[in-house]
Amino acid sequence: MNNENENSNSQISENNNLEQEDLFLSLLKKNLGPDFELNSQEEHEPYIIVDSRESKKIIEELENLGAIVFKEPLPISDYLLSSKVAVERKRGDDFYSSLIRGSESTNLFEELRRLKEFTEIPILIIENFELMFSINEKMVTPLYGAMVAIATQLKISIIPVRNYQDTAIVLYRIAKQQQGPVKEHAIPRRIPKESLKERQAYFLEGFFNVGPTKAKILINHFKSPMNFINSLLNTEIIYTKSGKPKGIKGPLADLKGFGWKFVMENKNFLLNEKDE
């Protein structure tokens, strides 16, 4: 356990020496290969770098939305959404505690000042927003005063959300907007006349939530459309005790950006005989 902590701290120290633009791109290259280039004109699902200490629930929600998520130890911020945007996430009760009881090292304003220095577009998401007011009703005015100072003096945008699912939606939409066009089924592309692999990838773009980038990932991983289809059919959705889908197990479970919603929609696409 100590070795894991030491490795994590070492990685954070290395990452701390990079500006955000260099850090975002270097972490993408680390995970996708040294030749990777982020093309804002190419249709693709958004890439999101998540601090390795962040909630697994949010990561699962992001992957179910279609984001390609990589976990890395980040020196500042909880999420990198582009070379310009970094996001800090606070629960309502955490916001209250770090504001009222925070020490010099954990003080909310110091933390946000570092975020401001780190990135061009800093954003603060306050999750379970109402929790900060339920602790002490007498603190309503100071809490709003703190938020006004964050927005006007530090120039940090604040986005209040209801829960972790909403957090994932906001992160996904920001990353999608920042990283260029990502519409999956807008104007149909012409069938490529190049290699067999390109034609196979084009075929897979007919599935739900599969654009050019995801199609290439699937072909590179499964080698053929039929292998992908068989793997999809052999992937099971995992449900909670209350019957809600929470993840997947099977051949698609190890791929980034392919969650239970992807499996559910595409199994229905393949197997449903009804004319809906």
Protein backbone atom coordinates (compact mmCIF):
# COMPACT_ATOMS: atom_id res chain seq x y z
CA MET A 1 0.00 0.00 0.00
CA ASN A 2 2.84 2.36 0.81
CA ASN A 3 4.45 1.61 -2.56
CA GLU A 4 1.18 2.53 -4.30
CA ASN A 5 1.04 5.82 -2.42
CA GLU A 6 4.67 6.55 -3.22
CA ASN A 7 4.10 5.81 -6.92
CA SER A 8 0.99 7.98 -6.95
CA ASN A 9 2.81 10.86 -5.23
CA SER A 10 5.71 10.48 -7.67
CA GLN A 11 3.35 10.68 -10.64
CA ILE A 12 1.62 13.73 -9.18
CA SER A 13 5.01 15.40 -8.70
CA GLU A 14 5.95 14.70 -12.33
CA ASN A 15 2.60 15.96 -13.59
CA ASN A 16 2.90 19.07 -11.42
CA ASN A 17 5.85 20.25 -13.53
CA LEU A 18 3.69 20.53 -16.66
CA GLU A 19 1.39 23.37 -17.67
CA GLN A 20 -2.21 22.25 -18.16
CA GLU A 21 -2.02 22.27 -21.97
CA ASP A 22 1.10 20.10 -21.91
CA LEU A 23 -0.42 17.90 -19.18
CA PHE A 24 -3.71 17.21 -20.98
CA LEU A 25 -2.03 16.31 -24.26
CA SER A 26 0.81 14.37 -22.65
CA LEU A 27 -1.63 12.24 -20.64
CA LEU A 28 -3.64 11.49 -23.79
CA LYS A 29 -0.43 10.47 -25.58
CA LYS A 30 0.52 8.31 -22.59
CA ASN A 31 -2.75 6.38 -22.89
CA LEU A 32 -3.29 6.45 -26.67
CA GLY A 33 0.27 6.35 -27.99
CA PRO A 34 2.99 8.94 -28.69
CA ASP A 35 1.67 9.63 -32.21
CA PHE A 36 -1.81 10.60 -31.01
CA GLU A 37 -3.02 14.03 -32.10
CA LEU A 38 -6.29 15.62 -30.97
CA ASN A 39 -8.05 16.88 -34.11
CA SER A 40 -10.88 19.29 -33.27
CA GLN A 41 -12.24 18.95 -36.82
CA GLU A 42 -12.56 15.17 -36.62
CA GLU A 43 -15.73 13.61 -35.30
CA HIS A 44 -15.02 11.82 -32.02
CA GLU A 45 -16.27 11.19 -28.52
CA PRO A 46 -14.70 13.49 -25.91
CA TYR A 47 -11.62 12.47 -23.93
CA ILE A 48 -11.68 13.20 -20.21
CA ILE A 49 -8.76 12.94 -17.77
CA VAL A 50 -10.04 12.15 -14.27
CA ASP A 51 -8.03 12.38 -11.08
CA SER A 52 -7.42 8.84 -9.85
CA ARG A 53 -8.96 9.67 -6.47
CA GLU A 54 -12.31 10.74 -7.93
CA SER A 55 -15.60 8.88 -7.54
CA LYS A 56 -15.96 5.64 -9.54
CA LYS A 57 -19.67 6.38 -9.92
CA ILE A 58 -18.96 9.51 -11.96
CA ILE A 59 -16.44 7.64 -14.13
CA GLU A 60 -19.05 4.97 -14.86
CA GLU A 61 -21.63 7.62 -15.74
CA LEU A 62 -19.17 9.36 -18.09
CA GLU A 63 -18.39 6.09 -19.85
CA ASN A 64 -22.10 5.33 -20.18
CA LEU A 65 -22.55 8.71 -21.86
CA GLY A 66 -19.82 7.71 -24.34
CA ALA A 67 -16.81 9.62 -23.00
CA ILE A 68 -13.36 8.02 -23.26
CA VAL A 69 -12.03 8.30 -19.70
CA PHE A 70 -8.49 7.93 -18.39
CA LYS A 71 -7.65 7.93 -14.68
CA GLU A 72 -4.44 9.75 -13.75
CA PRO A 73 -3.08 11.40 -10.57
CA LEU A 74 -3.63 15.13 -11.13
CA PRO A 75 -1.69 17.76 -9.16
CA ILE A 76 -4.47 20.35 -9.48
CA SER A 77 -8.19 19.93 -10.32
CA ASP A 78 -10.34 16.82 -10.49
CA TYR A 79 -10.98 16.79 -14.26
CA LEU A 80 -9.16 17.95 -17.37
CA LEU A 81 -11.65 18.46 -20.21
CA SER A 82 -9.34 20.09 -22.76
CA SER A 83 -6.07 21.98 -22.93
CA LYS A 84 -7.93 25.02 -21.56
CA VAL A 85 -10.55 23.70 -19.14
CA ALA A 86 -9.97 22.22 -15.68
CA VAL A 87 -12.75 21.44 -13.22
CA GLU A 88 -12.81 21.17 -9.45
CA ARG A 89 -15.74 19.24 -7.93
CA LYS A 90 -17.09 19.86 -4.43
CA ARG A 91 -20.09 18.35 -2.71
CA GLY A 92 -22.26 20.91 -0.93
CA ASP A 93 -21.15 19.73 2.51
CA ASP A 94 -17.49 19.66 1.41
CA PHE A 95 -17.83 23.24 0.12
CA TYR A 96 -19.17 24.30 3.51
CA SER A 97 -16.48 22.44 5.48
CA SER A 98 -13.52 23.64 3.41
CA LEU A 99 -14.83 27.21 3.56
CA ILE A 100 -15.61 27.32 7.27
CA ARG A 101 -13.17 24.84 8.83
CA GLY A 102 -10.42 24.55 6.22
CA SER A 103 -6.82 24.95 7.31
CA GLU A 104 -4.35 27.00 5.30
CA SER A 105 -3.48 23.93 3.21
CA THR A 106 -7.11 22.91 2.62
CA ASN A 107 -8.70 26.36 2.45
CA LEU A 108 -11.18 26.57 -0.41
CA PHE A 109 -9.96 29.93 -1.71
CA GLU A 110 -6.32 28.81 -1.75
CA GLU A 111 -7.33 25.69 -3.63
CA LEU A 112 -9.28 27.71 -6.19
CA ARG A 113 -6.48 30.27 -6.58
CA ARG A 114 -4.16 27.42 -7.57
CA LEU A 115 -6.79 26.22 -10.03
CA LYS A 116 -7.03 29.72 -11.48
CA GLU A 117 -3.26 29.89 -11.96
CA PHE A 118 -3.22 26.42 -13.50
CA THR A 119 -5.81 26.78 -16.25
CA GLU A 120 -7.25 29.28 -18.70
CA ILE A 121 -10.87 28.32 -17.99
CA PRO A 122 -11.37 27.17 -14.37
CA ILE A 123 -14.77 25.76 -13.37
CA LEU A 124 -16.17 24.79 -9.98
CA ILE A 125 -18.97 22.22 -9.85
CA ILE A 126 -20.91 22.12 -6.59
CA GLU A 127 -22.66 18.75 -6.36
CA ASN A 128 -25.67 18.21 -4.08
CA PHE A 129 -25.82 21.97 -3.93
CA GLU A 130 -28.52 22.11 -1.25
CA LEU A 131 -26.38 20.25 1.31
CA MET A 132 -24.30 23.34 2.10
CA PHE A 133 -27.39 25.14 3.38
CA SER A 134 -28.73 22.26 5.48
CA ILE A 135 -25.77 22.31 7.90
CA ASN A 136 -26.36 25.77 9.34
CA GLU A 137 -29.18 28.04 8.19
CA LYS A 138 -27.39 31.07 9.65
CA MET A 139 -24.60 30.61 7.08
CA VAL A 140 -26.77 31.22 4.00
CA THR A 141 -25.59 34.80 3.50
CA PRO A 142 -21.85 34.04 4.00
CA LEU A 143 -22.10 31.04 1.64
CA TYR A 144 -23.60 33.13 -1.12
CA GLY A 145 -21.00 35.80 -0.37
CA ALA A 146 -18.25 33.21 -0.90
CA MET A 147 -19.75 32.14 -4.21
CA VAL A 148 -20.02 35.75 -5.37
CA ALA A 149 -16.33 36.28 -4.50
CA ILE A 150 -15.34 33.11 -6.38
CA ALA A 151 -17.27 34.21 -9.47
CA THR A 152 -16.34 37.92 -9.48
CA GLN A 153 -12.88 38.10 -7.88
CA LEU A 154 -11.37 34.78 -8.92
CA LYS A 155 -13.33 34.72 -12.22
CA ILE A 156 -14.20 31.05 -11.74
CA SER A 157 -17.50 29.82 -13.15
CA ILE A 158 -19.73 27.95 -10.69
CA ILE A 159 -22.12 25.23 -11.86
CA PRO A 160 -24.48 23.83 -9.18
CA VAL A 161 -25.81 20.31 -9.86
CA ARG A 162 -28.24 17.99 -8.09
CA ASN A 163 -26.21 14.77 -7.93
CA TYR A 164 -23.26 12.82 -9.39
CA GLN A 165 -25.27 11.87 -12.49
CA ASP A 166 -25.71 15.57 -13.28
CA THR A 167 -22.00 16.12 -12.65
CA ALA A 168 -21.21 13.54 -15.35
CA ILE A 169 -23.63 15.20 -17.81
CA VAL A 170 -22.03 18.62 -17.26
CA LEU A 171 -18.49 17.26 -17.62
CA TYR A 172 -19.42 15.38 -20.79
CA ARG A 173 -21.10 18.41 -22.39
CA ILE A 174 -18.18 20.73 -21.61
CA ALA A 175 -15.62 18.27 -22.98
CA LYS A 176 -17.75 17.66 -26.06
CA GLN A 177 -18.03 21.39 -26.75
CA GLN A 178 -14.34 22.02 -26.13
CA GLN A 179 -12.98 19.21 -28.27
CA GLY A 180 -14.80 19.94 -31.50
CA PRO A 181 -17.60 18.42 -33.55
CA VAL A 182 -18.82 15.12 -32.16
CA LYS A 183 -22.22 14.62 -33.79
CA GLU A 184 -22.50 10.93 -34.51
CA HIS A 185 -25.38 10.76 -36.99
CA ALA A 186 -25.50 14.11 -38.74
CA ILE A 187 -24.54 13.99 -42.46
CA PRO A 188 -23.81 10.43 -43.63
CA ARG A 189 -20.28 9.99 -44.92
CA ARG A 190 -19.62 8.35 -48.26
CA ILE A 191 -18.58 4.69 -48.10
CA PRO A 192 -14.78 4.67 -48.07
CA LYS A 193 -13.08 3.07 -51.06
CA GLU A 194 -9.83 2.45 -49.23
CA SER A 195 -8.82 -0.57 -47.17
CA LEU A 196 -10.99 -3.42 -45.91
CA LYS A 197 -10.50 -2.23 -42.33
CA GLU A 198 -11.86 1.23 -43.21
CA ARG A 199 -14.93 -0.32 -44.82
CA GLN A 200 -15.42 -2.55 -41.78
CA ALA A 201 -15.15 0.46 -39.47
CA TYR A 202 -17.68 2.32 -41.61
CA PHE A 203 -20.07 -0.62 -41.21
CA LEU A 204 -19.83 -0.35 -37.41
CA GLU A 205 -20.79 3.33 -37.53
CA GLY A 206 -24.34 2.09 -38.11
CA PHE A 207 -24.54 1.05 -34.46
CA PHE A 208 -25.84 3.40 -31.78
CA ASN A 209 -23.29 5.82 -30.34
CA VAL A 210 -20.51 4.68 -32.70
CA GLY A 211 -18.72 7.38 -34.69
CA PRO A 212 -15.47 7.12 -36.68
CA THR A 213 -13.24 7.10 -33.59
CA LYS A 214 -15.16 4.41 -31.73
CA ALA A 215 -15.50 2.33 -34.91
CA LYS A 216 -11.70 2.30 -35.30
CA ILE A 217 -11.29 1.31 -31.64
CA LEU A 218 -13.71 -1.59 -32.09
CA ILE A 219 -12.10 -2.85 -35.31
CA ASN A 220 -8.59 -2.58 -33.86
CA HIS A 221 -9.67 -4.50 -30.76
CA PHE A 222 -12.01 -7.15 -32.20
CA LYS A 223 -10.40 -7.39 -35.70
CA SER A 224 -13.74 -7.87 -37.55
CA PRO A 225 -17.39 -6.71 -37.33
CA MET A 226 -18.58 -10.27 -36.60
CA ASN A 227 -16.18 -10.62 -33.68
CA PHE A 228 -17.55 -7.34 -32.28
CA ILE A 229 -21.17 -8.46 -32.70
CA ASN A 230 -20.50 -11.78 -30.96
CA SER A 231 -18.67 -9.96 -28.15
CA LEU A 232 -21.56 -7.50 -27.79
CA LEU A 233 -24.08 -10.34 -27.50
CA ASN A 234 -21.87 -12.06 -24.90
CA THR A 235 -21.58 -8.93 -22.75
CA GLU A 236 -24.01 -8.85 -19.84
CA ILE A 237 -25.45 -5.84 -18.02
CA ILE A 238 -24.95 -5.82 -14.24
CA TYR A 239 -27.88 -4.60 -12.14
CA THR A 240 -28.17 -3.33 -8.58
CA LYS A 241 -30.43 -5.07 -6.05
CA SER A 242 -33.12 -2.51 -6.87
CA GLY A 243 -32.94 -3.44 -10.56
CA LYS A 244 -31.02 -0.44 -11.88
CA PRO A 245 -28.20 -1.04 -14.41
CA LYS A 246 -24.78 -0.20 -12.95
CA GLY A 247 -22.18 -1.70 -15.30
CA ILE A 248 -21.25 -4.55 -17.61
CA LYS A 249 -19.27 -7.78 -17.55
CA GLY A 250 -17.89 -9.67 -20.51
CA PRO A 251 -15.81 -8.90 -23.62
CA LEU A 252 -16.68 -5.16 -23.76
CA ALA A 253 -16.01 -4.51 -20.07
CA ASP A 254 -12.32 -3.69 -20.58
CA LEU A 255 -12.91 -1.09 -23.30
CA LYS A 256 -13.10 2.59 -22.40
CA GLY A 257 -16.31 4.41 -23.33
CA PHE A 258 -18.56 1.36 -23.74
CA GLY A 259 -20.96 1.10 -20.80
CA TRP A 260 -24.28 -0.55 -20.04
CA LYS A 261 -26.29 1.98 -22.06
CA PHE A 262 -24.19 1.24 -25.15
CA VAL A 263 -24.73 -2.51 -24.67
CA MET A 264 -28.46 -2.16 -24.01
CA GLU A 265 -29.15 0.06 -27.05
CA ASN A 266 -27.12 -2.04 -29.46
CA LYS A 267 -28.43 -5.40 -28.25
CA ASN A 268 -31.92 -4.01 -28.76
CA PHE A 269 -30.84 -2.82 -32.23
CA LEU A 270 -29.64 -6.32 -33.16
CA LEU A 271 -32.30 -8.46 -31.52
CA ASN A 272 -35.57 -6.51 -31.44
CA GLU A 273 -38.03 -7.86 -34.04
CA LYS A 274 -40.73 -5.28 -33.37
CA ASP A 275 -41.30 -2.34 -35.73
CA GLU A 276 -40.97 0.60 -33.34
